[in-house]
Amino acid sequence: MEFEERKLHTVIASEQYLVRLGVKTLLNVIGIESELHEVDTFDELEYFMQNDENMDYLILSEDILQKQRKIDCLEYVKNSFGLSSTILIGKQQFPTCVCDHFISYSCSRKEVVDKLQQFFYAPKANEQQEEDSLTLSDRERDVLKAVALGFSNKEIADQLFISINTVITHRKNITSKLGIKTISGLTVYALMHHIIKAEEAM
């Protein structure tokens, strides 16, 4: 039985269609495998946070925060969903409610892409484990390399002379240690840590 991953769910919240379209385009460029949901009012976002248990990430544009209550709205997001899984797009950070992840309207394309990659691919602070537990074993690195190169569980099992169930167990351990749930995210991790070479991933 193949290892199945739950697809991530990302909400893009902005009054402006062009902002939502631009974010979706960039997420596609950097290979984010996520079910995307769009909201264009804060009331709609509030309803989403209260009723959707599958919401994993929030990309929040400052324009959707109610103009006279921006800090209150951001505090509500912080208390209802958490800021470690939220990235704010706006003119500047709010000193009384600072987001862990922030993209300024003045950022270059490269800066925006870098910040989005860090947001999606870096493990959340509250999910990080001790350094020892984050270290992959040699066998887990072998499995990660094969996953990043696009091999199926059966192919990995044949290559490494292990059972498919063992492959699935290794993959679950890798996901747990790294906090990365998507194959594209694991591929980026493997590239950044020199487990595979860029030409191998082509």
C-alpha atoms as a PDB file:
ATOM      1  CA  MET A   1       0.000   0.000   0.000  1.00  0.00           C
ATOM      2  CA  GLU A   2       1.437   3.343  -1.067  1.00  0.00           C
ATOM      3  CA  PHE A   3       2.179   6.047   1.486  1.00  0.00           C
ATOM      4  CA  GLU A   4      -0.629   8.617   1.292  1.00  0.00           C
ATOM      5  CA  GLU A   5      -0.170  12.239   2.267  1.00  0.00           C
ATOM      6  CA  ARG A   6      -2.980  14.547   3.324  1.00  0.00           C
ATOM      7  CA  LYS A   7      -2.990  17.516   1.032  1.00  0.00           C
ATOM      8  CA  LEU A   8      -2.217  20.799   2.743  1.00  0.00           C
ATOM      9  CA  HIS A   9      -4.864  23.515   2.822  1.00  0.00           C
ATOM     10  CA  THR A  10      -3.826  27.148   2.419  1.00  0.00           C
ATOM     11  CA  VAL A  11      -6.128  30.167   2.699  1.00  0.00           C
ATOM     12  CA  ILE A  12      -5.260  33.313   0.734  1.00  0.00           C
ATOM     13  CA  ALA A  13      -7.037  36.297   2.283  1.00  0.00           C
ATOM     14  CA  SER A  14      -7.114  39.598   0.405  1.00  0.00           C
ATOM     15  CA  GLU A  15      -9.721  42.041  -0.831  1.00  0.00           C
ATOM     16  CA  GLN A  16      -7.804  42.389  -4.078  1.00  0.00           C
ATOM     17  CA  TYR A  17      -8.162  39.795  -6.826  1.00  0.00           C
ATOM     18  CA  LEU A  18      -4.745  40.676  -8.264  1.00  0.00           C
ATOM     19  CA  VAL A  19      -3.060  40.011  -4.914  1.00  0.00           C
ATOM     20  CA  ARG A  20      -4.733  36.609  -4.639  1.00  0.00           C
ATOM     21  CA  LEU A  21      -3.843  35.773  -8.244  1.00  0.00           C
ATOM     22  CA  GLY A  22      -0.225  36.849  -7.733  1.00  0.00           C
ATOM     23  CA  VAL A  23       0.139  34.712  -4.605  1.00  0.00           C
ATOM     24  CA  LYS A  24      -1.363  31.663  -6.348  1.00  0.00           C
ATOM     25  CA  THR A  25       1.003  32.130  -9.281  1.00  0.00           C
ATOM     26  CA  LEU A  26       4.068  32.329  -7.017  1.00  0.00           C
ATOM     27  CA  LEU A  27       3.000  29.262  -5.034  1.00  0.00           C
ATOM     28  CA  ASN A  28       2.746  27.358  -8.298  1.00  0.00           C
ATOM     29  CA  VAL A  29       6.202  28.591  -9.358  1.00  0.00           C
ATOM     30  CA  ILE A  30       7.871  27.307  -6.180  1.00  0.00           C
ATOM     31  CA  GLY A  31       5.992  24.001  -6.298  1.00  0.00           C
ATOM     32  CA  ILE A  32       3.703  24.256  -3.285  1.00  0.00           C
ATOM     33  CA  GLU A  33       1.320  21.286  -3.310  1.00  0.00           C
ATOM     34  CA  SER A  34      -1.641  22.709  -1.438  1.00  0.00           C
ATOM     35  CA  GLU A  35      -5.388  23.012  -1.782  1.00  0.00           C
ATOM     36  CA  LEU A  36      -5.893  26.782  -2.138  1.00  0.00           C
ATOM     37  CA  HIS A  37      -8.903  28.651  -0.766  1.00  0.00           C
ATOM     38  CA  GLU A  38      -9.590  32.350  -1.370  1.00  0.00           C
ATOM     39  CA  VAL A  39     -11.475  34.779   0.865  1.00  0.00           C
ATOM     40  CA  ASP A  40     -12.003  38.482   0.195  1.00  0.00           C
ATOM     41  CA  THR A  41     -13.525  39.734   3.465  1.00  0.00           C
ATOM     42  CA  PHE A  42     -12.443  39.409   7.084  1.00  0.00           C
ATOM     43  CA  ASP A  43     -15.868  38.031   8.016  1.00  0.00           C
ATOM     44  CA  GLU A  44     -15.361  35.224   5.505  1.00  0.00           C
ATOM     45  CA  LEU A  45     -11.887  34.548   6.918  1.00  0.00           C
ATOM     46  CA  GLU A  46     -13.296  34.500  10.455  1.00  0.00           C
ATOM     47  CA  TYR A  47     -15.900  31.936   9.403  1.00  0.00           C
ATOM     48  CA  PHE A  48     -13.189  29.826   7.739  1.00  0.00           C
ATOM     49  CA  MET A  49     -11.015  29.805  10.873  1.00  0.00           C
ATOM     50  CA  GLN A  50     -13.950  28.779  13.038  1.00  0.00           C
ATOM     51  CA  ASN A  51     -15.267  26.000  10.800  1.00  0.00           C
ATOM     52  CA  ASP A  52     -12.416  24.478   8.779  1.00  0.00           C
ATOM     53  CA  GLU A  53     -10.272  22.088  10.803  1.00  0.00           C
ATOM     54  CA  ASN A  54      -8.046  21.333   7.786  1.00  0.00           C
ATOM     55  CA  MET A  55      -6.662  24.862   7.478  1.00  0.00           C
ATOM     56  CA  ASP A  56      -2.846  24.564   7.617  1.00  0.00           C
ATOM     57  CA  TYR A  57      -1.515  27.921   6.415  1.00  0.00           C
ATOM     58  CA  LEU A  58      -2.837  31.467   6.088  1.00  0.00           C
ATOM     59  CA  ILE A  59      -1.488  34.067   3.677  1.00  0.00           C
ATOM     60  CA  LEU A  60      -2.980  37.293   5.018  1.00  0.00           C
ATOM     61  CA  SER A  61      -2.957  40.594   3.148  1.00  0.00           C
ATOM     62  CA  GLU A  62      -3.141  43.724   5.281  1.00  0.00           C
ATOM     63  CA  ASP A  63      -5.946  45.124   3.112  1.00  0.00           C
ATOM     64  CA  ILE A  64      -8.433  42.568   4.456  1.00  0.00           C
ATOM     65  CA  LEU A  65      -7.990  43.695   8.073  1.00  0.00           C
ATOM     66  CA  GLN A  66     -10.826  46.010   9.039  1.00  0.00           C
ATOM     67  CA  LYS A  67      -9.388  49.495   8.743  1.00  0.00           C
ATOM     68  CA  GLN A  68     -10.190  50.841  12.205  1.00  0.00           C
ATOM     69  CA  ARG A  69      -9.439  47.550  13.960  1.00  0.00           C
ATOM     70  CA  LYS A  70      -6.317  46.167  12.282  1.00  0.00           C
ATOM     71  CA  ILE A  71      -4.548  45.260  15.514  1.00  0.00           C
ATOM     72  CA  ASP A  72      -7.705  43.673  16.955  1.00  0.00           C
ATOM     73  CA  CYS A  73      -8.175  41.645  13.766  1.00  0.00           C
ATOM     74  CA  LEU A  74      -4.568  40.471  13.819  1.00  0.00           C
ATOM     75  CA  GLU A  75      -4.851  39.562  17.500  1.00  0.00           C
ATOM     76  CA  TYR A  76      -7.946  37.543  16.627  1.00  0.00           C
ATOM     77  CA  VAL A  77      -5.985  35.640  13.966  1.00  0.00           C
ATOM     78  CA  LYS A  78      -3.174  35.088  16.476  1.00  0.00           C
ATOM     79  CA  ASN A  79      -5.517  33.670  19.114  1.00  0.00           C
ATOM     80  CA  SER A  80      -7.716  31.660  16.729  1.00  0.00           C
ATOM     81  CA  PHE A  81      -5.166  30.228  14.321  1.00  0.00           C
ATOM     82  CA  GLY A  82      -1.668  31.216  15.387  1.00  0.00           C
ATOM     83  CA  LEU A  83       0.939  33.443  13.779  1.00  0.00           C
ATOM     84  CA  SER A  84       3.573  30.744  13.177  1.00  0.00           C
ATOM     85  CA  SER A  85       1.325  29.412  10.389  1.00  0.00           C
ATOM     86  CA  THR A  86       0.439  32.896   9.112  1.00  0.00           C
ATOM     87  CA  ILE A  87       2.364  35.127   6.732  1.00  0.00           C
ATOM     88  CA  LEU A  88       1.340  38.783   6.583  1.00  0.00           C
ATOM     89  CA  ILE A  89       1.621  40.861   3.415  1.00  0.00           C
ATOM     90  CA  GLY A  90       1.578  44.608   4.000  1.00  0.00           C
ATOM     91  CA  LYS A  91       3.369  47.930   4.317  1.00  0.00           C
ATOM     92  CA  GLN A  92       4.966  47.207   7.677  1.00  0.00           C
ATOM     93  CA  GLN A  93       4.771  45.008  10.757  1.00  0.00           C
ATOM     94  CA  PHE A  94       2.488  45.961  13.637  1.00  0.00           C
ATOM     95  CA  PRO A  95       4.735  46.573  16.690  1.00  0.00           C
ATOM     96  CA  THR A  96       2.125  45.307  19.164  1.00  0.00           C
ATOM     97  CA  CYS A  97       1.406  42.097  17.227  1.00  0.00           C
ATOM     98  CA  VAL A  98       4.454  41.009  15.236  1.00  0.00           C
ATOM     99  CA  CYS A  99       4.049  38.149  12.770  1.00  0.00           C
ATOM    100  CA  ASP A 100       6.801  35.534  12.532  1.00  0.00           C
ATOM    101  CA  HIS A 101       6.552  35.740   8.745  1.00  0.00           C
ATOM    102  CA  PHE A 102       6.136  39.024   6.865  1.00  0.00           C
ATOM    103  CA  ILE A 103       6.348  40.160   3.232  1.00  0.00           C
ATOM    104  CA  SER A 104       6.538  43.873   2.525  1.00  0.00           C
ATOM    105  CA  TYR A 105       4.832  45.347  -0.537  1.00  0.00           C
ATOM    106  CA  SER A 106       8.273  46.682  -1.481  1.00  0.00           C
ATOM    107  CA  CYS A 107      10.011  43.260  -1.515  1.00  0.00           C
ATOM    108  CA  SER A 108      11.607  42.118  -4.763  1.00  0.00           C
ATOM    109  CA  ARG A 109      10.400  38.993  -6.561  1.00  0.00           C
ATOM    110  CA  LYS A 110      13.379  37.017  -5.225  1.00  0.00           C
ATOM    111  CA  GLU A 111      12.722  38.191  -1.658  1.00  0.00           C
ATOM    112  CA  VAL A 112       9.054  37.205  -1.928  1.00  0.00           C
ATOM    113  CA  VAL A 113       9.929  33.746  -3.282  1.00  0.00           C
ATOM    114  CA  ASP A 114      12.574  33.234  -0.568  1.00  0.00           C
ATOM    115  CA  LYS A 115      10.143  34.235   2.186  1.00  0.00           C
ATOM    116  CA  LEU A 116       7.393  31.960   0.851  1.00  0.00           C
ATOM    117  CA  GLN A 117       9.803  29.020   0.617  1.00  0.00           C
ATOM    118  CA  GLN A 118      10.971  29.614   4.178  1.00  0.00           C
ATOM    119  CA  PHE A 119       7.359  29.905   5.353  1.00  0.00           C
ATOM    120  CA  PHE A 120       6.218  26.628   3.801  1.00  0.00           C
ATOM    121  CA  TYR A 121       9.341  24.500   4.042  1.00  0.00           C
ATOM    122  CA  ALA A 122      10.836  25.446   7.417  1.00  0.00           C
ATOM    123  CA  PRO A 123       9.405  23.424  10.345  1.00  0.00           C
ATOM    124  CA  LYS A 124       7.061  25.450  12.567  1.00  0.00           C
ATOM    125  CA  ALA A 125       8.703  26.674  15.750  1.00  0.00           C
ATOM    126  CA  ASN A 126       6.184  24.980  18.009  1.00  0.00           C
ATOM    127  CA  GLU A 127       6.688  21.676  16.190  1.00  0.00           C
ATOM    128  CA  GLN A 128      10.469  21.603  16.268  1.00  0.00           C
ATOM    129  CA  GLN A 129      11.978  18.822  18.309  1.00  0.00           C
ATOM    130  CA  GLU A 130      15.349  18.477  19.975  1.00  0.00           C
ATOM    131  CA  GLU A 131      18.322  18.544  17.604  1.00  0.00           C
ATOM    132  CA  ASP A 132      19.055  14.851  18.072  1.00  0.00           C
ATOM    133  CA  SER A 133      15.547  13.827  17.096  1.00  0.00           C
ATOM    134  CA  LEU A 134      15.733  15.946  13.924  1.00  0.00           C
ATOM    135  CA  THR A 135      18.811  14.115  12.691  1.00  0.00           C
ATOM    136  CA  LEU A 136      17.972  11.615   9.971  1.00  0.00           C
ATOM    137  CA  SER A 137      19.514   8.170  10.139  1.00  0.00           C
ATOM    138  CA  ASP A 138      21.557   6.904   7.191  1.00  0.00           C
ATOM    139  CA  ARG A 139      18.642   4.716   6.104  1.00  0.00           C
ATOM    140  CA  GLU A 140      16.200   7.625   6.350  1.00  0.00           C
ATOM    141  CA  ARG A 141      18.535   9.701   4.184  1.00  0.00           C
ATOM    142  CA  ASP A 142      18.560   6.883   1.626  1.00  0.00           C
ATOM    143  CA  VAL A 143      14.766   6.792   1.617  1.00  0.00           C
ATOM    144  CA  LEU A 144      14.518  10.590   1.442  1.00  0.00           C
ATOM    145  CA  LYS A 145      16.875  10.650  -1.542  1.00  0.00           C
ATOM    146  CA  ALA A 146      14.780   8.064  -3.362  1.00  0.00           C
ATOM    147  CA  VAL A 147      11.536   9.919  -2.568  1.00  0.00           C
ATOM    148  CA  ALA A 148      13.018  13.193  -3.829  1.00  0.00           C
ATOM    149  CA  LEU A 149      14.049  11.443  -7.050  1.00  0.00           C
ATOM    150  CA  GLY A 150      10.478  10.314  -7.623  1.00  0.00           C
ATOM    151  CA  PHE A 151      10.686   6.599  -6.856  1.00  0.00           C
ATOM    152  CA  SER A 152       7.607   4.729  -5.603  1.00  0.00           C
ATOM    153  CA  ASN A 153       7.530   2.852  -2.319  1.00  0.00           C
ATOM    154  CA  LYS A 154       7.909  -0.470  -4.159  1.00  0.00           C
ATOM    155  CA  GLU A 155      10.904   0.795  -6.141  1.00  0.00           C
ATOM    156  CA  ILE A 156      12.530   2.108  -2.955  1.00  0.00           C
ATOM    157  CA  ALA A 157      11.925  -1.209  -1.205  1.00  0.00           C
ATOM    158  CA  ASP A 158      13.536  -3.094  -4.099  1.00  0.00           C
ATOM    159  CA  GLN A 159      16.547  -0.746  -4.213  1.00  0.00           C
ATOM    160  CA  LEU A 160      17.225  -0.887  -0.480  1.00  0.00           C
ATOM    161  CA  PHE A 161      16.261  -4.557   0.025  1.00  0.00           C
ATOM    162  CA  ILE A 162      13.628  -3.733   2.635  1.00  0.00           C
ATOM    163  CA  SER A 163       9.867  -4.248   2.830  1.00  0.00           C
ATOM    164  CA  ILE A 164       7.326  -1.707   1.619  1.00  0.00           C
ATOM    165  CA  ASN A 165       6.017  -1.393   5.190  1.00  0.00           C
ATOM    166  CA  THR A 166       9.530  -0.451   6.327  1.00  0.00           C
ATOM    167  CA  VAL A 167       9.705   2.196   3.592  1.00  0.00           C
ATOM    168  CA  ILE A 168       6.369   3.639   4.749  1.00  0.00           C
ATOM    169  CA  THR A 169       7.601   3.696   8.356  1.00  0.00           C
ATOM    170  CA  HIS A 170      10.786   5.517   7.316  1.00  0.00           C
ATOM    171  CA  ARG A 171       8.746   8.065   5.349  1.00  0.00           C
ATOM    172  CA  LYS A 172       6.486   8.727   8.328  1.00  0.00           C
ATOM    173  CA  ASN A 173       9.556   9.207  10.538  1.00  0.00           C
ATOM    174  CA  ILE A 174      11.114  11.587   8.004  1.00  0.00           C
ATOM    175  CA  THR A 175       7.922  13.659   7.825  1.00  0.00           C
ATOM    176  CA  SER A 176       7.674  13.734  11.623  1.00  0.00           C
ATOM    177  CA  LYS A 177      11.302  14.780  12.120  1.00  0.00           C
ATOM    178  CA  LEU A 178      11.409  17.448   9.418  1.00  0.00           C
ATOM    179  CA  GLY A 179       7.863  18.772   9.749  1.00  0.00           C
ATOM    180  CA  ILE A 180       7.565  18.644   5.937  1.00  0.00           C
ATOM    181  CA  LYS A 181       4.485  16.930   4.541  1.00  0.00           C
ATOM    182  CA  THR A 182       4.769  17.331   0.759  1.00  0.00           C
ATOM    183  CA  ILE A 183       7.029  15.570  -1.730  1.00  0.00           C
ATOM    184  CA  SER A 184       8.007  18.925  -3.254  1.00  0.00           C
ATOM    185  CA  GLY A 185       8.992  20.165   0.204  1.00  0.00           C
ATOM    186  CA  LEU A 186      11.074  17.051   0.850  1.00  0.00           C
ATOM    187  CA  THR A 187      12.754  17.529  -2.529  1.00  0.00           C
ATOM    188  CA  VAL A 188      13.700  21.108  -1.669  1.00  0.00           C
ATOM    189  CA  TYR A 189      15.048  19.912   1.705  1.00  0.00           C
ATOM    190  CA  ALA A 190      17.097  17.204  -0.015  1.00  0.00           C
ATOM    191  CA  LEU A 191      18.540  19.781  -2.421  1.00  0.00           C
ATOM    192  CA  MET A 192      19.353  22.289   0.324  1.00  0.00           C
ATOM    193  CA  HIS A 193      21.106  19.622   2.413  1.00  0.00           C
ATOM    194  CA  HIS A 194      23.017  18.140  -0.540  1.00  0.00           C
ATOM    195  CA  ILE A 195      21.247  14.789  -0.323  1.00  0.00           C
ATOM    196  CA  ILE A 196      20.547  15.059  -4.040  1.00  0.00           C
ATOM    197  CA  LYS A 197      22.068  17.249  -6.737  1.00  0.00           C
ATOM    198  CA  ALA A 198      20.053  19.759  -8.741  1.00  0.00           C
ATOM    199  CA  GLU A 199      20.675  17.889 -11.988  1.00  0.00           C
ATOM    200  CA  GLU A 200      19.299  14.692 -10.426  1.00  0.00           C
ATOM    201  CA  ALA A 201      16.011  16.410  -9.612  1.00  0.00           C
ATOM    202  CA  MET A 202      15.455  17.609 -13.158  1.00  0.00           C
END
